[in-house]
Amino acid sequence: MVADHLPNAVGGLPDGTPERPASSMPYPAVNNLPPPRATTVLTDAETKKLESDLVAARNRAAEAAAKPAADADKPAGDADKP
Protein backbone atom coordinates (compact mmCIF):
# COMPACT_ATOMS: atom_id res chain seq x y z
CA MET A 1 0.00 0.00 0.00
CA VAL A 2 1.13 3.53 -0.63
CA ALA A 3 0.38 4.63 2.96
CA ASP A 4 2.86 2.04 4.24
CA HIS A 5 5.75 3.97 2.69
CA LEU A 6 4.70 7.58 3.47
CA PRO A 7 6.15 9.38 6.49
CA ASN A 8 3.83 9.81 9.44
CA ALA A 9 3.88 13.60 9.02
CA VAL A 10 2.16 13.40 5.61
CA GLY A 11 -0.47 10.83 6.49
CA GLY A 12 1.48 7.57 6.61
CA LEU A 13 1.08 4.88 9.23
CA PRO A 14 2.27 5.76 12.74
CA ASP A 15 5.39 4.20 14.26
CA GLY A 16 4.81 0.80 15.83
CA THR A 17 2.05 -0.21 13.44
CA PRO A 18 2.10 -3.98 12.87
CA GLU A 19 3.01 -5.25 9.43
CA ARG A 20 0.24 -6.18 7.04
CA PRO A 21 -0.32 -9.91 6.52
CA ALA A 22 1.40 -11.41 3.47
CA SER A 23 -1.87 -12.77 2.07
CA SER A 24 -5.24 -11.07 2.21
CA MET A 25 -8.01 -12.50 4.34
CA PRO A 26 -10.73 -14.41 2.48
CA TYR A 27 -14.11 -12.74 2.09
CA PRO A 28 -16.85 -14.00 4.39
CA ALA A 29 -19.06 -16.71 2.97
CA VAL A 30 -22.14 -14.64 2.20
CA ASN A 31 -23.98 -17.45 0.42
CA ASN A 32 -23.62 -19.96 3.26
CA LEU A 33 -26.86 -19.87 5.23
CA PRO A 34 -27.02 -20.99 8.84
CA PRO A 35 -28.74 -24.31 9.54
CA PRO A 36 -32.46 -24.17 10.24
CA ARG A 37 -33.45 -23.53 13.83
CA ALA A 38 -34.43 -26.44 16.02
CA THR A 39 -37.06 -24.41 17.86
CA THR A 40 -40.61 -23.96 16.65
CA VAL A 41 -42.86 -20.93 16.52
CA LEU A 42 -44.99 -20.23 19.59
CA THR A 43 -48.60 -21.33 19.48
CA ASP A 44 -51.42 -18.81 19.91
CA ALA A 45 -52.00 -19.95 23.49
CA GLU A 46 -48.30 -19.57 24.35
CA THR A 47 -48.21 -16.13 22.75
CA LYS A 48 -51.28 -14.96 24.72
CA LYS A 49 -49.81 -16.33 27.98
CA LEU A 50 -46.49 -14.55 27.41
CA GLU A 51 -48.25 -11.29 26.54
CA SER A 52 -50.39 -11.46 29.68
CA ASP A 53 -47.28 -12.21 31.78
CA LEU A 54 -45.52 -9.19 30.31
CA VAL A 55 -48.53 -6.94 30.93
CA ALA A 56 -48.73 -8.15 34.53
CA ALA A 57 -45.00 -7.50 35.04
CA ARG A 58 -45.35 -4.02 33.53
CA ASN A 59 -48.28 -3.21 35.81
CA ARG A 60 -46.40 -4.44 38.89
CA ALA A 61 -43.39 -2.30 37.94
CA ALA A 62 -45.59 0.75 37.38
CA GLU A 63 -47.27 0.25 40.78
CA ALA A 64 -43.91 -0.15 42.50
CA ALA A 65 -42.60 3.02 40.83
CA ALA A 66 -45.72 5.00 41.77
CA LYS A 67 -45.66 3.87 45.39
CA PRO A 68 -42.46 5.75 46.44
CA ALA A 69 -43.66 8.83 44.55
CA ALA A 70 -46.95 8.77 46.46
CA ASP A 71 -45.07 8.32 49.75
CA ALA A 72 -42.90 11.36 48.94
CA ASP A 73 -46.01 13.53 48.51
CA LYS A 74 -47.23 12.78 52.05
CA PRO A 75 -46.32 15.23 54.81
CA ALA A 76 -43.51 14.16 57.10
CA GLY A 77 -45.76 14.30 60.15
CA ASP A 78 -45.97 16.52 63.22
CA ALA A 79 -42.18 17.00 63.49
CA ASP A 80 -42.36 20.34 61.63
CA LYS A 81 -44.91 21.84 64.01
CA PRO A 82 -43.65 24.02 66.92
PDB file of N, CA and C in Angstrom:
ATOM      1  N   MET A   1       0.835  -1.166   0.000  1.00  0.00           N
ATOM      2  CA  MET A   1       0.000   0.000   0.000  1.00  0.00           C
ATOM      3  C   MET A   1       0.888   1.239   0.000  1.00  0.00           C
ATOM      4  N   VAL A   2       0.372   2.287  -0.539  1.00  0.00           N
ATOM      5  CA  VAL A   2       1.126   3.526  -0.629  1.00  0.00           C
ATOM      6  C   VAL A   2       1.309   4.127   0.760  1.00  0.00           C
ATOM      7  N   ALA A   3       0.298   4.028   1.625  1.00  0.00           N
ATOM      8  CA  ALA A   3       0.376   4.626   2.955  1.00  0.00           C
ATOM      9  C   ALA A   3       1.435   3.953   3.816  1.00  0.00           C
ATOM     10  N   ASP A   4       1.825   2.734   3.473  1.00  0.00           N
ATOM     11  CA  ASP A   4       2.857   2.039   4.240  1.00  0.00           C
ATOM     12  C   ASP A   4       4.215   2.713   4.082  1.00  0.00           C
ATOM     13  N   HIS A   5       4.439   3.417   2.985  1.00  0.00           N
ATOM     14  CA  HIS A   5       5.751   3.973   2.685  1.00  0.00           C
ATOM     15  C   HIS A   5       5.819   5.486   2.862  1.00  0.00           C
ATOM     16  N   LEU A   6       4.711   6.130   3.255  1.00  0.00           N
ATOM     17  CA  LEU A   6       4.703   7.577   3.473  1.00  0.00           C
ATOM     18  C   LEU A   6       5.137   7.878   4.905  1.00  0.00           C
ATOM     19  N   PRO A   7       5.817   8.984   5.113  1.00  0.00           N
ATOM     20  CA  PRO A   7       6.154   9.380   6.486  1.00  0.00           C
ATOM     21  C   PRO A   7       4.883   9.710   7.276  1.00  0.00           C
ATOM     22  N   ASN A   8       4.975   9.558   8.568  1.00  0.00           N
ATOM     23  CA  ASN A   8       3.829   9.810   9.435  1.00  0.00           C
ATOM     24  C   ASN A   8       3.351  11.250   9.314  1.00  0.00           C
ATOM     25  N   ALA A   9       4.240  12.186   9.090  1.00  0.00           N
ATOM     26  CA  ALA A   9       3.883  13.601   9.021  1.00  0.00           C
ATOM     27  C   ALA A   9       2.972  13.916   7.837  1.00  0.00           C
ATOM     28  N   VAL A  10       3.000  13.123   6.794  1.00  0.00           N
ATOM     29  CA  VAL A  10       2.165  13.403   5.614  1.00  0.00           C
ATOM     30  C   VAL A  10       1.046  12.381   5.451  1.00  0.00           C
ATOM     31  N   GLY A  11       0.684  11.713   6.543  1.00  0.00           N
ATOM     32  CA  GLY A  11      -0.473  10.829   6.488  1.00  0.00           C
ATOM     33  C   GLY A  11      -0.143   9.356   6.413  1.00  0.00           C
ATOM     34  N   GLY A  12       1.116   8.979   6.610  1.00  0.00           N
ATOM     35  CA  GLY A  12       1.480   7.568   6.606  1.00  0.00           C
ATOM     36  C   GLY A  12       1.087   6.892   7.914  1.00  0.00           C
ATOM     37  N   LEU A  13       1.408   5.634   8.026  1.00  0.00           N
ATOM     38  CA  LEU A  13       1.084   4.882   9.235  1.00  0.00           C
ATOM     39  C   LEU A  13       1.980   5.316  10.380  1.00  0.00           C
ATOM     40  N   PRO A  14       1.456   5.351  11.601  1.00  0.00           N
ATOM     41  CA  PRO A  14       2.271   5.764  12.743  1.00  0.00           C
ATOM     42  C   PRO A  14       3.323   4.707  13.082  1.00  0.00           C
ATOM     43  N   ASP A  15       4.344   5.130  13.841  1.00  0.00           N
ATOM     44  CA  ASP A  15       5.389   4.201  14.258  1.00  0.00           C
ATOM     45  C   ASP A  15       4.786   3.118  15.138  1.00  0.00           C
ATOM     46  N   GLY A  16       5.299   1.905  15.018  1.00  0.00           N
ATOM     47  CA  GLY A  16       4.815   0.798  15.828  1.00  0.00           C
ATOM     48  C   GLY A  16       3.608   0.086  15.252  1.00  0.00           C
ATOM     49  N   THR A  17       3.183   0.471  14.063  1.00  0.00           N
ATOM     50  CA  THR A  17       2.051  -0.206  13.442  1.00  0.00           C
ATOM     51  C   THR A  17       2.479  -1.597  12.992  1.00  0.00           C
ATOM     52  N   PRO A  18       1.699  -2.642  13.297  1.00  0.00           N
ATOM     53  CA  PRO A  18       2.097  -3.985  12.868  1.00  0.00           C
ATOM     54  C   PRO A  18       2.107  -4.109  11.349  1.00  0.00           C
ATOM     55  N   GLU A  19       2.926  -5.013  10.872  1.00  0.00           N
ATOM     56  CA  GLU A  19       3.011  -5.251   9.428  1.00  0.00           C
ATOM     57  C   GLU A  19       1.705  -5.855   8.918  1.00  0.00           C
ATOM     58  N   ARG A  20       1.416  -5.583   7.667  1.00  0.00           N
ATOM     59  CA  ARG A  20       0.237  -6.181   7.039  1.00  0.00           C
ATOM     60  C   ARG A  20       0.512  -7.662   6.781  1.00  0.00           C
ATOM     61  N   PRO A  21      -0.537  -8.498   6.816  1.00  0.00           N
ATOM     62  CA  PRO A  21      -0.319  -9.910   6.516  1.00  0.00           C
ATOM     63  C   PRO A  21       0.122 -10.100   5.069  1.00  0.00           C
ATOM     64  N   ALA A  22       0.887 -11.164   4.823  1.00  0.00           N
ATOM     65  CA  ALA A  22       1.399 -11.413   3.472  1.00  0.00           C
ATOM     66  C   ALA A  22       0.272 -11.725   2.501  1.00  0.00           C
ATOM     67  N   SER A  23      -0.740 -12.457   2.948  1.00  0.00           N
ATOM     68  CA  SER A  23      -1.873 -12.768   2.067  1.00  0.00           C
ATOM     69  C   SER A  23      -3.131 -12.113   2.638  1.00  0.00           C
ATOM     70  N   SER A  24      -4.018 -11.728   1.761  1.00  0.00           N
ATOM     71  CA  SER A  24      -5.239 -11.066   2.213  1.00  0.00           C
ATOM     72  C   SER A  24      -6.201 -12.102   2.805  1.00  0.00           C
ATOM     73  N   MET A  25      -7.025 -11.628   3.700  1.00  0.00           N
ATOM     74  CA  MET A  25      -8.009 -12.501   4.336  1.00  0.00           C
ATOM     75  C   MET A  25      -9.104 -12.844   3.333  1.00  0.00           C
ATOM     76  N   PRO A  26      -9.645 -14.057   3.407  1.00  0.00           N
ATOM     77  CA  PRO A  26     -10.735 -14.408   2.478  1.00  0.00           C
ATOM     78  C   PRO A  26     -12.009 -13.641   2.843  1.00  0.00           C
ATOM     79  N   TYR A  27     -12.834 -13.414   1.844  1.00  0.00           N
ATOM     80  CA  TYR A  27     -14.106 -12.744   2.088  1.00  0.00           C
ATOM     81  C   TYR A  27     -15.021 -13.673   2.872  1.00  0.00           C
ATOM     82  N   PRO A  28     -15.925 -13.126   3.669  1.00  0.00           N
ATOM     83  CA  PRO A  28     -16.850 -13.999   4.392  1.00  0.00           C
ATOM     84  C   PRO A  28     -17.780 -14.724   3.423  1.00  0.00           C
ATOM     85  N   ALA A  29     -18.186 -15.898   3.818  1.00  0.00           N
ATOM     86  CA  ALA A  29     -19.057 -16.710   2.973  1.00  0.00           C
ATOM     87  C   ALA A  29     -20.480 -16.160   3.065  1.00  0.00           C
ATOM     88  N   VAL A  30     -20.832 -15.276   2.144  1.00  0.00           N
ATOM     89  CA  VAL A  30     -22.140 -14.637   2.195  1.00  0.00           C
ATOM     90  C   VAL A  30     -23.258 -15.542   1.698  1.00  0.00           C
ATOM     91  N   ASN A  31     -22.954 -16.555   0.955  1.00  0.00           N
ATOM     92  CA  ASN A  31     -23.985 -17.448   0.424  1.00  0.00           C
ATOM     93  C   ASN A  31     -24.240 -18.645   1.325  1.00  0.00           C
ATOM     94  N   ASN A  32     -23.407 -18.856   2.335  1.00  0.00           N
ATOM     95  CA  ASN A  32     -23.622 -19.963   3.257  1.00  0.00           C
ATOM     96  C   ASN A  32     -24.650 -19.550   4.294  1.00  0.00           C
ATOM     97  N   LEU A  33     -25.798 -20.177   4.283  1.00  0.00           N
ATOM     98  CA  LEU A  33     -26.861 -19.865   5.225  1.00  0.00           C
ATOM     99  C   LEU A  33     -26.697 -20.712   6.476  1.00  0.00           C
ATOM    100  N   PRO A  34     -27.098 -20.197   7.624  1.00  0.00           N
ATOM    101  CA  PRO A  34     -27.024 -20.995   8.845  1.00  0.00           C
ATOM    102  C   PRO A  34     -28.023 -22.144   8.778  1.00  0.00           C
ATOM    103  N   PRO A  35     -27.789 -23.182   9.555  1.00  0.00           N
ATOM    104  CA  PRO A  35     -28.736 -24.309   9.543  1.00  0.00           C
ATOM    105  C   PRO A  35     -30.082 -23.866  10.092  1.00  0.00           C
ATOM    106  N   PRO A  36     -31.140 -24.551   9.725  1.00  0.00           N
ATOM    107  CA  PRO A  36     -32.462 -24.171  10.240  1.00  0.00           C
ATOM    108  C   PRO A  36     -32.520 -24.320  11.759  1.00  0.00           C
ATOM    109  N   ARG A  37     -33.332 -23.509  12.380  1.00  0.00           N
ATOM    110  CA  ARG A  37     -33.450 -23.535  13.830  1.00  0.00           C
ATOM    111  C   ARG A  37     -34.191 -24.783  14.293  1.00  0.00           C
ATOM    112  N   ALA A  38     -33.787 -25.258  15.462  1.00  0.00           N
ATOM    113  CA  ALA A  38     -34.428 -26.443  16.024  1.00  0.00           C
ATOM    114  C   ALA A  38     -35.705 -26.076  16.773  1.00  0.00           C
ATOM    115  N   THR A  39     -35.874 -24.813  17.117  1.00  0.00           N
ATOM    116  CA  THR A  39     -37.062 -24.409  17.864  1.00  0.00           C
ATOM    117  C   THR A  39     -38.217 -24.135  16.914  1.00  0.00           C
ATOM    118  N   THR A  40     -39.415 -24.214  17.462  1.00  0.00           N
ATOM    119  CA  THR A  40     -40.606 -23.963  16.647  1.00  0.00           C
ATOM    120  C   THR A  40     -41.221 -22.626  17.045  1.00  0.00           C
ATOM    121  N   VAL A  41     -42.153 -22.171  16.259  1.00  0.00           N
ATOM    122  CA  VAL A  41     -42.858 -20.925  16.516  1.00  0.00           C
ATOM    123  C   VAL A  41     -43.843 -21.150  17.661  1.00  0.00           C
ATOM    124  N   LEU A  42     -44.055 -20.117  18.483  1.00  0.00           N
ATOM    125  CA  LEU A  42     -44.990 -20.233  19.588  1.00  0.00           C
ATOM    126  C   LEU A  42     -46.419 -20.402  19.087  1.00  0.00           C
ATOM    127  N   THR A  43     -47.189 -21.176  19.823  1.00  0.00           N
ATOM    128  CA  THR A  43     -48.603 -21.333  19.482  1.00  0.00           C
ATOM    129  C   THR A  43     -49.351 -20.083  19.932  1.00  0.00           C
ATOM    130  N   ASP A  44     -50.612 -19.966  19.514  1.00  0.00           N
ATOM    131  CA  ASP A  44     -51.417 -18.809  19.909  1.00  0.00           C
ATOM    132  C   ASP A  44     -51.601 -18.763  21.422  1.00  0.00           C
ATOM    133  N   ALA A  45     -51.805 -19.903  22.042  1.00  0.00           N
ATOM    134  CA  ALA A  45     -52.001 -19.949  23.493  1.00  0.00           C
ATOM    135  C   ALA A  45     -50.728 -19.519  24.211  1.00  0.00           C
ATOM    136  N   GLU A  46     -49.572 -19.970  23.738  1.00  0.00           N
ATOM    137  CA  GLU A  46     -48.300 -19.575  24.346  1.00  0.00           C
ATOM    138  C   GLU A  46     -48.049 -18.080  24.176  1.00  0.00           C
ATOM    139  N   THR A  47     -48.383 -17.559  23.016  1.00  0.00           N
ATOM    140  CA  THR A  47     -48.209 -16.131  22.754  1.00  0.00           C
ATOM    141  C   THR A  47     -49.084 -15.295  23.685  1.00  0.00           C
ATOM    142  N   LYS A  48     -50.363 -15.695  23.840  1.00  0.00           N
ATOM    143  CA  LYS A  48     -51.275 -14.961  24.716  1.00  0.00           C
ATOM    144  C   LYS A  48     -50.802 -15.024  26.168  1.00  0.00           C
ATOM    145  N   LYS A  49     -50.298 -16.190  26.607  1.00  0.00           N
ATOM    146  CA  LYS A  49     -49.809 -16.330  27.975  1.00  0.00           C
ATOM    147  C   LYS A  49     -48.599 -15.430  28.197  1.00  0.00           C
ATOM    148  N   LEU A  50     -47.667 -15.405  27.264  1.00  0.00           N
ATOM    149  CA  LEU A  50     -46.493 -14.549  27.407  1.00  0.00           C
ATOM    150  C   LEU A  50     -46.869 -13.073  27.421  1.00  0.00           C
ATOM    151  N   GLU A  51     -47.811 -12.690  26.567  1.00  0.00           N
ATOM    152  CA  GLU A  51     -48.249 -11.293  26.541  1.00  0.00           C
ATOM    153  C   GLU A  51     -48.899 -10.907  27.865  1.00  0.00           C
ATOM    154  N   SER A  52     -49.732 -11.790  28.416  1.00  0.00           N
ATOM    155  CA  SER A  52     -50.388 -11.464  29.684  1.00  0.00           C
ATOM    156  C   SER A  52     -49.362 -11.406  30.817  1.00  0.00           C
ATOM    157  N   ASP A  53     -48.343 -12.267  30.774  1.00  0.00           N
ATOM    158  CA  ASP A  53     -47.281 -12.213  31.779  1.00  0.00           C
ATOM    159  C   ASP A  53     -46.511 -10.899  31.693  1.00  0.00           C
ATOM    160  N   LEU A  54     -46.237 -10.448  30.486  1.00  0.00           N
ATOM    161  CA  LEU A  54     -45.516  -9.186  30.308  1.00  0.00           C
ATOM    162  C   LEU A  54     -46.350  -7.991  30.773  1.00  0.00           C
ATOM    163  N   VAL A  55     -47.651  -8.028  30.481  1.00  0.00           N
ATOM    164  CA  VAL A  55     -48.530  -6.943  30.925  1.00  0.00           C
ATOM    165  C   VAL A  55     -48.586  -6.913  32.445  1.00  0.00           C
ATOM    166  N   ALA A  56     -48.686  -8.085  33.067  1.00  0.00           N
ATOM    167  CA  ALA A  56     -48.734  -8.150  34.529  1.00  0.00           C
ATOM    168  C   ALA A  56     -47.426  -7.625  35.129  1.00  0.00           C
ATOM    169  N   ALA A  57     -46.292  -7.982  34.545  1.00  0.00           N
ATOM    170  CA  ALA A  57     -45.001  -7.501  35.042  1.00  0.00           C
ATOM    171  C   ALA A  57     -44.888  -5.991  34.866  1.00  0.00           C
ATOM    172  N   ARG A  58     -45.374  -5.469  33.752  1.00  0.00           N
ATOM    173  CA  ARG A  58     -45.350  -4.020  33.526  1.00  0.00           C
ATOM    174  C   ARG A  58     -46.218  -3.302  34.554  1.00  0.00           C
ATOM    175  N   ASN A  59     -47.387  -3.843  34.837  1.00  0.00           N
ATOM    176  CA  ASN A  59     -48.284  -3.214  35.809  1.00  0.00           C
ATOM    177  C   ASN A  59     -47.683  -3.249  37.213  1.00  0.00           C
ATOM    178  N   ARG A  60     -47.039  -4.363  37.587  1.00  0.00           N
ATOM    179  CA  ARG A  60     -46.396  -4.440  38.894  1.00  0.00           C
ATOM    180  C   ARG A  60     -45.265  -3.421  38.994  1.00  0.00           C
ATOM    181  N   ALA A  61     -44.491  -3.266  37.932  1.00  0.00           N
ATOM    182  CA  ALA A  61     -43.388  -2.303  37.942  1.00  0.00           C
ATOM    183  C   ALA A  61     -43.921  -0.879  38.030  1.00  0.00           C
ATOM    184  N   ALA A  62     -45.009  -0.591  37.339  1.00  0.00           N
ATOM    185  CA  ALA A  62     -45.592   0.748  37.384  1.00  0.00           C
ATOM    186  C   ALA A  62     -46.133   1.053  38.777  1.00  0.00           C
ATOM    187  N   GLU A  63     -46.768   0.053  39.421  1.00  0.00           N
ATOM    188  CA  GLU A  63     -47.272   0.250  40.775  1.00  0.00           C
ATOM    189  C   GLU A  63     -46.125   0.473  41.758  1.00  0.00           C
ATOM    190  N   ALA A  64     -45.059  -0.293  41.604  1.00  0.00           N
ATOM    191  CA  ALA A  64     -43.910  -0.147  42.497  1.00  0.00           C
ATOM    192  C   ALA A  64     -43.244   1.208  42.311  1.00  0.00           C
ATOM    193  N   ALA A  65     -43.207   1.719  41.089  1.00  0.00           N
ATOM    194  CA  ALA A  65     -42.598   3.019  40.829  1.00  0.00           C
ATOM    195  C   ALA A  65     -43.488   4.143  41.350  1.00  0.00           C
ATOM    196  N   ALA A  66     -44.800   3.962  41.310  1.00  0.00           N
ATOM    197  CA  ALA A  66     -45.721   5.001  41.766  1.00  0.00           C
ATOM    198  C   ALA A  66     -45.798   5.043  43.278  1.00  0.00           C
ATOM    199  N   LYS A  67     -45.548   3.932  43.941  1.00  0.00           N
ATOM    200  CA  LYS A  67     -45.660   3.869  45.392  1.00  0.00           C
ATOM    201  C   LYS A  67     -44.676   4.808  46.098  1.00  0.00           C
ATOM    202  N   PRO A  68     -43.372   4.802  45.783  1.00  0.00           N
ATOM    203  CA  PRO A  68     -42.461   5.752  46.440  1.00  0.00           C
ATOM    204  C   PRO A  68     -42.801   7.206  46.117  1.00  0.00           C
ATOM    205  N   ALA A  69     -43.303   7.459  44.916  1.00  0.00           N
ATOM    206  CA  ALA A  69     -43.665   8.827  44.550  1.00  0.00           C
ATOM    207  C   ALA A  69     -44.850   9.285  45.378  1.00  0.00           C
ATOM    208  N   ALA A  70     -45.796   8.414  45.645  1.00  0.00           N
ATOM    209  CA  ALA A  70     -46.951   8.769  46.465  1.00  0.00           C
ATOM    210  C   ALA A  70     -46.523   8.969  47.911  1.00  0.00           C
ATOM    211  N   ASP A  71     -45.573   8.168  48.386  1.00  0.00           N
ATOM    212  CA  ASP A  71     -45.071   8.324  49.751  1.00  0.00           C
ATOM    213  C   ASP A  71     -44.322   9.646  49.913  1.00  0.00           C
ATOM    214  N   ALA A  72     -43.654  10.109  48.874  1.00  0.00           N
ATOM    215  CA  ALA A  72     -42.898  11.356  48.942  1.00  0.00           C
ATOM    216  C   ALA A  72     -43.838  12.566  49.020  1.00  0.00           C
ATOM    217  N   ASP A  73     -45.054  12.426  48.484  1.00  0.00           N
ATOM    218  CA  ASP A  73     -46.007  13.530  48.508  1.00  0.00           C
ATOM    219  C   ASP A  73     -46.659  13.703  49.880  1.00  0.00           C
ATOM    220  N   LYS A  74     -46.600  12.693  50.727  1.00  0.00           N
ATOM    221  CA  LYS A  74     -47.231  12.777  52.050  1.00  0.00           C
ATOM    222  C   LYS A  74     -46.416  13.695  52.948  1.00  0.00           C
ATOM    223  N   PRO A  75     -47.070  14.393  53.869  1.00  0.00           N
ATOM    224  CA  PRO A  75     -46.321  15.231  54.807  1.00  0.00           C
ATOM    225  C   PRO A  75     -45.502  14.367  55.758  1.00  0.00           C
ATOM    226  N   ALA A  76     -44.425  14.917  56.252  1.00  0.00           N
ATOM    227  CA  ALA A  76     -43.508  14.157  57.097  1.00  0.00           C
ATOM    228  C   ALA A  76     -44.088  13.868  58.459  1.00  0.00           C
ATOM    229  N   GLY A  77     -45.139  14.551  58.857  1.00  0.00           N
ATOM    230  CA  GLY A  77     -45.760  14.303  60.154  1.00  0.00           C
ATOM    231  C   GLY A  77     -45.760  15.557  60.990  1.00  0.00           C
ATOM    232  N   ASP A  78     -45.855  15.382  62.300  1.00  0.00           N
ATOM    233  CA  ASP A  78     -45.967  16.521  63.218  1.00  0.00           C
ATOM    234  C   ASP A  78     -44.593  17.064  63.638  1.00  0.00           C
ATOM    235  N   ALA A  79     -43.511  16.565  63.096  1.00  0.00           N
ATOM    236  CA  ALA A  79     -42.182  17.004  63.494  1.00  0.00           C
ATOM    237  C   ALA A  79     -41.918  18.459  63.112  1.00  0.00           C
ATOM    238  N   ASP A  80     -42.575  18.976  62.079  1.00  0.00           N
ATOM    239  CA  ASP A  80     -42.360  20.342  61.625  1.00  0.00           C
ATOM    240  C   ASP A  80     -43.122  21.358  62.466  1.00  0.00           C
ATOM    241  N   LYS A  81     -44.098  20.904  63.231  1.00  0.00           N
ATOM    242  CA  LYS A  81     -44.907  21.839  64.009  1.00  0.00           C
ATOM    243  C   LYS A  81     -44.158  22.266  65.264  1.00  0.00           C
ATOM    244  N   PRO A  82     -44.332  23.547  65.697  1.00  0.00           N
ATOM    245  CA  PRO A  82     -43.645  24.024  66.924  1.00  0.00           C
ATOM    246  C   PRO A  82     -44.234  23.479  68.186  1.00  0.00           C
TER     247      PRO A  82
END
